[in-house]
Every structure is written in C-alpha cells, then in structure tokens.
Amino acid sequence: MDYLAIKWLHILSATAMFGTGFGTAFYMFFTNRTRNVAAIAVVSRLVARADWWFTTPSVIIQPLSGLWMIHLAGFPFSSAWIVWSIALYALAGACWLPVVWLQLRMRDMAALAAQTQQPLPERYWRYEKIWTVLGFPAFGALLIVYWLMVNKHT
C-alpha cells in the first residue's frame, strides 16, 4: 500500500472514530437527561453497537496506519509531535476502555429497567456521571492529536 492510500485510511478512520464517538456521546448524554427509560434503553443499545462496529476498528486502524505513515515518511519516532500524539492517544484510550465497560453495564441496566418497567437503578446514574467525566479528557486529547497530525511540528 502506498503512502497516499494509508493516509486516506488514516483520515477516514480518524473521522469515524471521532465522529462516531462524539455523535454517540451526544445522543447518550442528552437521552439520559430525559430520564425516559425506554429511550435510554434503545440509545444505549445503539451506542454500544456503534462503538463495536465503528469506533473499535478505528481505534485499531489509527495507530497502525499512523505508525506505518511515520515509517514511510521517514519521520523520527522521537519527534515531539509523534511522542505527544502517542501519549495523548494513550490517554484517550485509557478513558475510552472504562467508558466502553460502563456503556455495556448501562445498556444492560437500561434494557432490564425497560423490560420490567422499573426506574433505572442508582448505580446507572453513578456510572453515567463517571462516563460523562471520562469523555472530557478523551475528546480533548483527540482534538489535540488532530492538531498535531495536521501541523506535524518536528
């Protein structure tokens, strides 16, 4: 695969990762604010599915395609923008992994509550607060990674 094809794949996966992540976070955050158990059950199920179908492959493609391009372009791996990109990507991942775990538990709690026509348990709302807090450093880190990718200050 040539550099341009890898770059296209890298940009496409970055767009899918950030776009899906931001879009699903938006819908889950605001659906949670309605406290409508049936709606929360549907949205949390679809958010978990979108993370599996779109975000997870992108999370894998990003570092692989990025490292491949760095190698092909001959950038030194010690370049500040590369070191910072990797560190911030790791920070985003360290936030995203617990978010995925929380989303799956929240999805299951919401499905059960909707099925039994019960309110969501208090644990759901504790998880939702943690889920929300973890989103800020994850998205912030990825925004900076985007900036570093585009500017490539060596």
N, C-alpha and C. Protein backbone atom coordinates (compact mmCIF):
# COMPACT_ATOMS: atom_id res chain seq x y z
N MET A 1 0.85 -1.17 0.00
CA MET A 1 0.00 0.00 0.00
C MET A 1 0.90 1.24 0.00
N ASP A 2 0.56 2.21 -0.81
CA ASP A 2 1.39 3.42 -0.86
C ASP A 2 0.95 4.43 0.21
N TYR A 3 1.78 5.44 0.39
CA TYR A 3 1.58 6.42 1.46
C TYR A 3 0.19 7.08 1.37
N LEU A 4 -0.21 7.48 0.15
CA LEU A 4 -1.49 8.17 -0.01
C LEU A 4 -2.67 7.29 0.39
N ALA A 5 -2.62 6.01 0.05
CA ALA A 5 -3.70 5.09 0.42
C ALA A 5 -3.77 4.93 1.94
N ILE A 6 -2.61 4.82 2.57
CA ILE A 6 -2.57 4.69 4.03
C ILE A 6 -3.07 5.97 4.68
N LYS A 7 -2.68 7.10 4.12
CA LYS A 7 -3.13 8.39 4.66
C LYS A 7 -4.64 8.52 4.56
N TRP A 8 -5.20 8.09 3.43
CA TRP A 8 -6.65 8.13 3.25
C TRP A 8 -7.32 7.26 4.30
N LEU A 9 -6.81 6.05 4.51
CA LEU A 9 -7.34 5.14 5.52
C LEU A 9 -7.22 5.75 6.92
N HIS A 10 -6.10 6.39 7.20
CA HIS A 10 -5.87 7.02 8.50
C HIS A 10 -6.87 8.15 8.74
N ILE A 11 -7.06 8.99 7.76
CA ILE A 11 -8.00 10.11 7.89
C ILE A 11 -9.43 9.60 8.01
N LEU A 12 -9.78 8.62 7.21
CA LEU A 12 -11.13 8.05 7.27
C LEU A 12 -11.40 7.41 8.62
N SER A 13 -10.43 6.66 9.14
CA SER A 13 -10.64 6.02 10.44
C SER A 13 -10.65 7.04 11.57
N ALA A 14 -9.84 8.10 11.46
CA ALA A 14 -9.86 9.16 12.47
C ALA A 14 -11.23 9.85 12.48
N THR A 15 -11.77 10.08 11.30
CA THR A 15 -13.08 10.72 11.19
C THR A 15 -14.16 9.82 11.78
N ALA A 16 -14.10 8.53 11.46
CA ALA A 16 -15.09 7.59 12.00
C ALA A 16 -14.97 7.49 13.52
N MET A 17 -13.74 7.41 14.01
CA MET A 17 -13.53 7.28 15.45
C MET A 17 -14.06 8.51 16.20
N PHE A 18 -13.65 9.68 15.76
CA PHE A 18 -14.06 10.89 16.47
C PHE A 18 -15.54 11.19 16.23
N GLY A 19 -15.97 11.04 14.99
CA GLY A 19 -17.37 11.34 14.65
C GLY A 19 -18.34 10.42 15.34
N THR A 20 -18.06 9.12 15.30
CA THR A 20 -18.94 8.17 15.97
C THR A 20 -18.90 8.39 17.48
N GLY A 21 -17.70 8.58 18.01
CA GLY A 21 -17.57 8.80 19.45
C GLY A 21 -18.32 10.03 19.91
N PHE A 22 -18.14 11.13 19.19
CA PHE A 22 -18.81 12.37 19.58
C PHE A 22 -20.32 12.26 19.38
N GLY A 23 -20.72 11.67 18.25
CA GLY A 23 -22.15 11.54 17.96
C GLY A 23 -22.87 10.66 18.96
N THR A 24 -22.29 9.51 19.26
CA THR A 24 -22.96 8.61 20.21
C THR A 24 -22.95 9.19 21.62
N ALA A 25 -21.85 9.86 21.97
CA ALA A 25 -21.80 10.50 23.29
C ALA A 25 -22.88 11.58 23.39
N PHE A 26 -23.06 12.35 22.33
CA PHE A 26 -24.09 13.40 22.30
C PHE A 26 -25.47 12.79 22.55
N TYR A 27 -25.80 11.74 21.79
CA TYR A 27 -27.14 11.15 21.92
C TYR A 27 -27.34 10.47 23.27
N MET A 28 -26.32 9.79 23.75
CA MET A 28 -26.48 9.13 25.04
C MET A 28 -26.59 10.16 26.17
N PHE A 29 -25.73 11.19 26.12
CA PHE A 29 -25.76 12.23 27.15
C PHE A 29 -27.14 12.89 27.23
N PHE A 30 -27.66 13.30 26.07
CA PHE A 30 -28.93 14.03 26.09
C PHE A 30 -30.13 13.11 26.28
N THR A 31 -30.06 11.88 25.84
CA THR A 31 -31.14 10.94 26.11
C THR A 31 -31.20 10.64 27.60
N ASN A 32 -30.03 10.51 28.23
CA ASN A 32 -30.02 10.32 29.69
C ASN A 32 -30.72 11.46 30.41
N ARG A 33 -30.59 12.68 29.90
CA ARG A 33 -31.20 13.83 30.56
C ARG A 33 -32.72 13.76 30.54
N THR A 34 -33.31 13.00 29.60
CA THR A 34 -34.78 12.87 29.55
C THR A 34 -35.30 11.96 30.65
N ARG A 35 -34.42 11.05 31.15
CA ARG A 35 -34.79 10.04 32.14
C ARG A 35 -35.90 9.11 31.63
N ASN A 36 -36.09 9.08 30.33
CA ASN A 36 -37.06 8.18 29.70
C ASN A 36 -36.39 6.82 29.54
N VAL A 37 -36.79 5.86 30.36
CA VAL A 37 -36.13 4.56 30.43
C VAL A 37 -36.16 3.85 29.08
N ALA A 38 -37.30 3.88 28.40
CA ALA A 38 -37.40 3.19 27.10
C ALA A 38 -36.43 3.81 26.09
N ALA A 39 -36.38 5.12 26.04
CA ALA A 39 -35.46 5.80 25.11
C ALA A 39 -34.01 5.51 25.47
N ILE A 40 -33.71 5.55 26.75
CA ILE A 40 -32.34 5.27 27.21
C ILE A 40 -31.94 3.85 26.85
N ALA A 41 -32.86 2.91 26.97
CA ALA A 41 -32.57 1.51 26.62
C ALA A 41 -32.22 1.39 25.14
N VAL A 42 -32.99 2.04 24.29
CA VAL A 42 -32.73 1.98 22.85
C VAL A 42 -31.41 2.65 22.51
N VAL A 43 -31.20 3.86 22.99
CA VAL A 43 -30.00 4.62 22.65
C VAL A 43 -28.75 3.94 23.20
N SER A 44 -28.79 3.46 24.44
CA SER A 44 -27.60 2.82 25.00
C SER A 44 -27.26 1.53 24.25
N ARG A 45 -28.27 0.81 23.76
CA ARG A 45 -28.02 -0.38 22.94
C ARG A 45 -27.35 0.00 21.63
N LEU A 46 -27.82 1.08 21.00
CA LEU A 46 -27.24 1.51 19.73
C LEU A 46 -25.86 2.13 19.91
N VAL A 47 -25.63 2.82 21.01
CA VAL A 47 -24.30 3.38 21.30
C VAL A 47 -23.29 2.26 21.46
N ALA A 48 -23.65 1.22 22.20
CA ALA A 48 -22.74 0.08 22.37
C ALA A 48 -22.46 -0.58 21.02
N ARG A 49 -23.47 -0.71 20.21
CA ARG A 49 -23.31 -1.31 18.88
C ARG A 49 -22.41 -0.44 18.00
N ALA A 50 -22.62 0.86 18.00
CA ALA A 50 -21.80 1.77 17.18
C ALA A 50 -20.34 1.73 17.62
N ASP A 51 -20.12 1.65 18.92
CA ASP A 51 -18.74 1.54 19.41
C ASP A 51 -18.08 0.26 18.90
N TRP A 52 -18.83 -0.81 18.89
CA TRP A 52 -18.28 -2.08 18.42
C TRP A 52 -18.02 -2.06 16.92
N TRP A 53 -18.98 -1.55 16.15
CA TRP A 53 -18.90 -1.59 14.68
C TRP A 53 -17.96 -0.54 14.10
N PHE A 54 -17.93 0.66 14.69
CA PHE A 54 -17.19 1.77 14.07
C PHE A 54 -15.98 2.22 14.88
N THR A 55 -16.20 2.49 16.17
CA THR A 55 -15.12 3.04 16.97
C THR A 55 -13.99 2.03 17.18
N THR A 56 -14.33 0.80 17.53
CA THR A 56 -13.29 -0.19 17.80
C THR A 56 -12.37 -0.44 16.60
N PRO A 57 -12.91 -0.68 15.39
CA PRO A 57 -11.99 -0.84 14.25
C PRO A 57 -11.13 0.40 14.02
N SER A 58 -11.71 1.57 14.20
CA SER A 58 -10.95 2.81 14.01
C SER A 58 -9.85 2.96 15.05
N VAL A 59 -10.14 2.57 16.28
CA VAL A 59 -9.15 2.64 17.35
C VAL A 59 -7.95 1.74 17.02
N ILE A 60 -8.20 0.64 16.35
CA ILE A 60 -7.13 -0.27 15.95
C ILE A 60 -6.39 0.26 14.72
N ILE A 61 -7.13 0.76 13.74
CA ILE A 61 -6.54 1.25 12.49
C ILE A 61 -5.67 2.48 12.72
N GLN A 62 -6.09 3.36 13.62
CA GLN A 62 -5.37 4.62 13.85
C GLN A 62 -3.88 4.44 14.15
N PRO A 63 -3.51 3.72 15.18
CA PRO A 63 -2.07 3.62 15.47
C PRO A 63 -1.32 2.83 14.40
N LEU A 64 -1.97 1.81 13.84
CA LEU A 64 -1.28 1.02 12.81
C LEU A 64 -0.98 1.85 11.57
N SER A 65 -1.99 2.57 11.09
CA SER A 65 -1.78 3.39 9.90
C SER A 65 -0.87 4.58 10.21
N GLY A 66 -0.99 5.15 11.40
CA GLY A 66 -0.12 6.27 11.79
C GLY A 66 1.34 5.86 11.84
N LEU A 67 1.61 4.74 12.49
CA LEU A 67 2.99 4.27 12.58
C LEU A 67 3.55 3.90 11.22
N TRP A 68 2.71 3.33 10.38
CA TRP A 68 3.12 2.97 9.02
C TRP A 68 3.50 4.21 8.22
N MET A 69 2.67 5.26 8.32
CA MET A 69 2.97 6.51 7.61
C MET A 69 4.24 7.17 8.15
N ILE A 70 4.41 7.15 9.46
CA ILE A 70 5.63 7.72 10.07
C ILE A 70 6.86 7.01 9.50
N HIS A 71 6.77 5.70 9.42
CA HIS A 71 7.88 4.91 8.87
C HIS A 71 8.12 5.27 7.40
N LEU A 72 7.06 5.27 6.60
CA LEU A 72 7.21 5.55 5.17
C LEU A 72 7.72 6.97 4.91
N ALA A 73 7.27 7.93 5.72
CA ALA A 73 7.68 9.33 5.53
C ALA A 73 9.07 9.59 6.09
N GLY A 74 9.57 8.69 6.91
CA GLY A 74 10.90 8.86 7.47
C GLY A 74 10.98 9.82 8.64
N PHE A 75 9.83 10.10 9.28
CA PHE A 75 9.86 10.96 10.46
C PHE A 75 10.54 10.21 11.59
N PRO A 76 11.37 10.88 12.38
CA PRO A 76 11.94 10.21 13.54
C PRO A 76 10.84 9.99 14.60
N PHE A 77 10.82 8.79 15.16
CA PHE A 77 9.81 8.48 16.18
C PHE A 77 9.98 9.33 17.43
N SER A 78 11.12 9.97 17.57
CA SER A 78 11.36 10.84 18.72
C SER A 78 10.86 12.26 18.51
N SER A 79 10.27 12.55 17.34
CA SER A 79 9.72 13.89 17.10
C SER A 79 8.68 14.21 18.16
N ALA A 80 8.71 15.44 18.63
CA ALA A 80 7.80 15.84 19.71
C ALA A 80 6.34 15.60 19.34
N TRP A 81 5.95 15.93 18.12
CA TRP A 81 4.54 15.77 17.73
C TRP A 81 4.13 14.30 17.74
N ILE A 82 5.06 13.39 17.43
CA ILE A 82 4.76 11.96 17.45
C ILE A 82 4.65 11.46 18.89
N VAL A 83 5.60 11.85 19.71
CA VAL A 83 5.58 11.44 21.12
C VAL A 83 4.30 11.93 21.80
N TRP A 84 3.96 13.21 21.57
CA TRP A 84 2.75 13.77 22.17
C TRP A 84 1.49 13.09 21.62
N SER A 85 1.48 12.82 20.31
CA SER A 85 0.32 12.16 19.70
C SER A 85 0.09 10.79 20.33
N ILE A 86 1.15 10.04 20.49
CA ILE A 86 1.04 8.70 21.08
C ILE A 86 0.59 8.79 22.54
N ALA A 87 1.18 9.71 23.28
CA ALA A 87 0.81 9.86 24.70
C ALA A 87 -0.65 10.28 24.85
N LEU A 88 -1.09 11.22 24.04
CA LEU A 88 -2.48 11.68 24.12
C LEU A 88 -3.46 10.62 23.63
N TYR A 89 -3.05 9.86 22.61
CA TYR A 89 -3.88 8.76 22.13
C TYR A 89 -4.03 7.71 23.24
N ALA A 90 -2.93 7.45 23.95
CA ALA A 90 -2.98 6.51 25.08
C ALA A 90 -3.89 7.03 26.18
N LEU A 91 -3.84 8.34 26.45
CA LEU A 91 -4.74 8.93 27.44
C LEU A 91 -6.19 8.75 27.02
N ALA A 92 -6.48 9.03 25.76
CA ALA A 92 -7.85 8.85 25.27
C ALA A 92 -8.29 7.40 25.40
N GLY A 93 -7.39 6.49 25.07
CA GLY A 93 -7.70 5.06 25.21
C GLY A 93 -7.91 4.65 26.65
N ALA A 94 -7.12 5.22 27.55
CA ALA A 94 -7.26 4.91 28.98
C ALA A 94 -8.61 5.40 29.50
N CYS A 95 -9.17 6.42 28.89
CA CYS A 95 -10.52 6.88 29.25
C CYS A 95 -11.58 6.06 28.53
N TRP A 96 -11.32 5.70 27.28
CA TRP A 96 -12.32 5.02 26.45
C TRP A 96 -12.60 3.61 26.94
N LEU A 97 -11.58 2.87 27.36
CA LEU A 97 -11.81 1.49 27.79
C LEU A 97 -12.80 1.40 28.96
N PRO A 98 -12.64 2.21 30.02
CA PRO A 98 -13.66 2.14 31.07
C PRO A 98 -15.02 2.65 30.59
N VAL A 99 -15.03 3.60 29.66
CA VAL A 99 -16.29 4.10 29.11
C VAL A 99 -17.04 2.96 28.42
N VAL A 100 -16.33 2.15 27.66
CA VAL A 100 -16.97 1.02 26.99
C VAL A 100 -17.55 0.05 28.02
N TRP A 101 -16.77 -0.25 29.05
CA TRP A 101 -17.25 -1.13 30.11
C TRP A 101 -18.51 -0.55 30.75
N LEU A 102 -18.47 0.75 31.07
CA LEU A 102 -19.62 1.42 31.67
C LEU A 102 -20.83 1.38 30.74
N GLN A 103 -20.60 1.67 29.45
CA GLN A 103 -21.71 1.67 28.48
C GLN A 103 -22.40 0.32 28.42
N LEU A 104 -21.62 -0.74 28.45
CA LEU A 104 -22.22 -2.08 28.38
C LEU A 104 -23.05 -2.37 29.63
N ARG A 105 -22.56 -1.96 30.79
CA ARG A 105 -23.33 -2.16 32.02
C ARG A 105 -24.58 -1.28 32.01
N MET A 106 -24.42 -0.03 31.55
CA MET A 106 -25.56 0.88 31.48
C MET A 106 -26.61 0.36 30.49
N ARG A 107 -26.14 -0.16 29.36
CA ARG A 107 -27.06 -0.75 28.37
C ARG A 107 -27.88 -1.87 29.01
N ASP A 108 -27.20 -2.76 29.73
CA ASP A 108 -27.89 -3.90 30.35
C ASP A 108 -28.88 -3.44 31.42
N MET A 109 -28.48 -2.47 32.24
CA MET A 109 -29.38 -1.96 33.27
C MET A 109 -30.61 -1.29 32.64
N ALA A 110 -30.37 -0.54 31.57
CA ALA A 110 -31.48 0.15 30.89
C ALA A 110 -32.42 -0.85 30.23
N ALA A 111 -31.87 -1.89 29.62
CA ALA A 111 -32.72 -2.91 28.99
C ALA A 111 -33.59 -3.61 30.04
N LEU A 112 -33.00 -3.96 31.16
CA LEU A 112 -33.75 -4.62 32.23
C LEU A 112 -34.83 -3.70 32.80
N ALA A 113 -34.47 -2.44 33.02
CA ALA A 113 -35.45 -1.48 33.56
C ALA A 113 -36.61 -1.27 32.58
N ALA A 114 -36.30 -1.18 31.29
CA ALA A 114 -37.35 -1.00 30.28
C ALA A 114 -38.24 -2.24 30.21
N GLN A 115 -37.63 -3.41 30.26
CA GLN A 115 -38.36 -4.68 30.20
C GLN A 115 -39.31 -4.84 31.38
N THR A 116 -38.84 -4.49 32.56
CA THR A 116 -39.64 -4.67 33.78
C THR A 116 -40.43 -3.41 34.15
N GLN A 117 -40.31 -2.39 33.32
CA GLN A 117 -40.98 -1.11 33.54
C GLN A 117 -40.68 -0.53 34.92
N GLN A 118 -39.40 -0.57 35.25
CA GLN A 118 -38.90 -0.04 36.51
C GLN A 118 -38.01 1.17 36.21
N PRO A 119 -37.81 2.03 37.21
CA PRO A 119 -36.85 3.12 37.01
C PRO A 119 -35.42 2.56 36.96
N LEU A 120 -34.54 3.35 36.41
CA LEU A 120 -33.13 2.95 36.37
C LEU A 120 -32.57 2.96 37.79
N PRO A 121 -31.72 1.99 38.10
CA PRO A 121 -31.15 1.96 39.45
C PRO A 121 -30.17 3.11 39.67
N GLU A 122 -29.92 3.42 40.91
CA GLU A 122 -28.98 4.49 41.27
C GLU A 122 -27.59 4.22 40.69
N ARG A 123 -27.22 2.96 40.60
CA ARG A 123 -25.91 2.60 40.05
C ARG A 123 -25.78 3.09 38.60
N TYR A 124 -26.89 3.05 37.84
CA TYR A 124 -26.86 3.56 36.46
C TYR A 124 -26.40 5.01 36.46
N TRP A 125 -26.95 5.81 37.35
CA TRP A 125 -26.64 7.24 37.38
C TRP A 125 -25.23 7.51 37.89
N ARG A 126 -24.72 6.66 38.78
CA ARG A 126 -23.30 6.77 39.19
C ARG A 126 -22.40 6.48 37.99
N TYR A 127 -22.74 5.42 37.28
CA TYR A 127 -21.96 5.08 36.09
C TYR A 127 -22.04 6.19 35.05
N GLU A 128 -23.20 6.78 34.90
CA GLU A 128 -23.39 7.84 33.91
C GLU A 128 -22.51 9.05 34.23
N LYS A 129 -22.37 9.38 35.50
CA LYS A 129 -21.50 10.50 35.90
C LYS A 129 -20.05 10.22 35.55
N ILE A 130 -19.60 9.01 35.85
CA ILE A 130 -18.22 8.63 35.53
C ILE A 130 -18.02 8.63 34.02
N TRP A 131 -18.98 8.07 33.28
CA TRP A 131 -18.97 8.02 31.82
C TRP A 131 -18.82 9.44 31.25
N THR A 132 -19.58 10.37 31.79
CA THR A 132 -19.53 11.76 31.32
C THR A 132 -18.17 12.39 31.61
N VAL A 133 -17.69 12.24 32.83
CA VAL A 133 -16.41 12.84 33.22
C VAL A 133 -15.26 12.30 32.36
N LEU A 134 -15.26 11.00 32.08
CA LEU A 134 -14.18 10.42 31.28
C LEU A 134 -14.19 10.90 29.82
N GLY A 135 -15.33 11.34 29.36
CA GLY A 135 -15.42 11.83 27.98
C GLY A 135 -14.63 13.10 27.72
N PHE A 136 -14.53 13.97 28.71
CA PHE A 136 -13.85 15.25 28.50
C PHE A 136 -12.36 15.10 28.20
N PRO A 137 -11.59 14.38 29.02
CA PRO A 137 -10.17 14.24 28.66
C PRO A 137 -9.97 13.42 27.40
N ALA A 138 -10.84 12.44 27.15
CA ALA A 138 -10.70 11.62 25.94
C ALA A 138 -10.88 12.47 24.68
N PHE A 139 -11.95 13.24 24.62
CA PHE A 139 -12.20 14.07 23.44
C PHE A 139 -11.19 15.20 23.34
N GLY A 140 -10.84 15.79 24.47
CA GLY A 140 -9.82 16.85 24.46
C GLY A 140 -8.50 16.34 23.92
N ALA A 141 -8.09 15.17 24.38
CA ALA A 141 -6.83 14.58 23.92
C ALA A 141 -6.87 14.32 22.42
N LEU A 142 -7.99 13.81 21.93
CA LEU A 142 -8.09 13.53 20.50
C LEU A 142 -8.11 14.80 19.66
N LEU A 143 -8.69 15.86 20.17
CA LEU A 143 -8.64 17.14 19.44
C LEU A 143 -7.20 17.62 19.29
N ILE A 144 -6.43 17.47 20.34
CA ILE A 144 -5.02 17.87 20.27
C ILE A 144 -4.26 16.95 19.31
N VAL A 145 -4.56 15.67 19.33
CA VAL A 145 -3.92 14.74 18.39
C VAL A 145 -4.24 15.15 16.95
N TYR A 146 -5.47 15.52 16.66
CA TYR A 146 -5.83 16.01 15.33
C TYR A 146 -4.94 17.20 14.96
N TRP A 147 -4.81 18.15 15.87
CA TRP A 147 -4.00 19.33 15.61
C TRP A 147 -2.54 18.92 15.33
N LEU A 148 -2.02 18.01 16.14
CA LEU A 148 -0.64 17.54 15.95
C LEU A 148 -0.46 16.82 14.61
N MET A 149 -1.45 16.02 14.23
CA MET A 149 -1.38 15.30 12.95
C MET A 149 -1.32 16.29 11.78
N VAL A 150 -2.11 17.32 11.85
CA VAL A 150 -2.17 18.28 10.75
C VAL A 150 -0.94 19.16 10.72
N ASN A 151 -0.45 19.59 11.85
CA ASN A 151 0.66 20.54 11.90
C ASN A 151 2.05 19.89 11.85
N LYS A 152 2.20 18.72 12.41
CA LYS A 152 3.47 17.97 12.37
C LYS A 152 4.70 18.84 12.64
N HIS A 153 4.71 19.54 13.75
CA HIS A 153 5.90 20.32 14.10
C HIS A 153 7.00 19.37 14.51
N THR A 154 8.10 19.38 13.76
CA THR A 154 9.21 18.46 14.07
C THR A 154 10.28 19.15 14.88
